Amino acid sequence: MRKVTLFVAIVLTAASLGFTRRESELEEFSLLPRILAFDTMYGVDGPFVGDTNPVRGIVGDEAPWVIARFARGSLTEDGHLRLRVRGLVFANDPRAPAGFVGKNDEPDFRGAVSCLTEDAQGNVSTANVITAGFPATMQGDSNIEATLVLPKPCVAPIVFVLAGSEDKWFAVTGIEDASTSHRHSGEDSRH
């Protein structure tokens, strides 16, 4: 009986410490002025595959990608981009490289922020700012965190996950199907 009581006490203590730590992280994070926070992204697919329909001047990869688990992030007004991607991999599609369906073939992912801004003549233009590469696993997991110099103004920002080796996007802020946007494997996927 003592062993069971001790075990329960240890589990409850660990859980309460985890919640306390989590609450303090959320409080700290919520103090940052955010331009954008998102819990979903859209893997390149359909008419966005290839260079026919670029989004803000950035072309989609030549093969479809899916987010098997989740992609979440935020962008603060000082340009701090934070992305947490889990399971960004090739879709089950004949255009995927042989042997890479359900896998990632890039050693690095990059983040990109696209803003509408004003040029020197007062016309609306697009400005894309891109991070350096961040390690990505074959399972499509990556953490991207960088502070970018955003244009002023930065209107209607869009966040992308790009290949590490070329300026092609694999995922972009958005959603295709609400029924798949909350999938994750029990891991706490929030910031």
Foldseek 3Di string as FASTA:
>chain_A
DVVVVVVVVVVVVVVVVVVVVVVVVVVVVVVFAFPDWDWAKAFQDDPQAADPDDDQPFGAHNFTWDQQATKIWTAGPQQKTKIWGFQTFTDPDPRDPPPGHQWDPAQWKKKKKKFWDADPVRDTGIDIWIDATFGAGRRGTTIDIDGTHDDVPGHPIKMFIAGNVDRHTGIIPDDDDPVNSHGHDPDPPDD
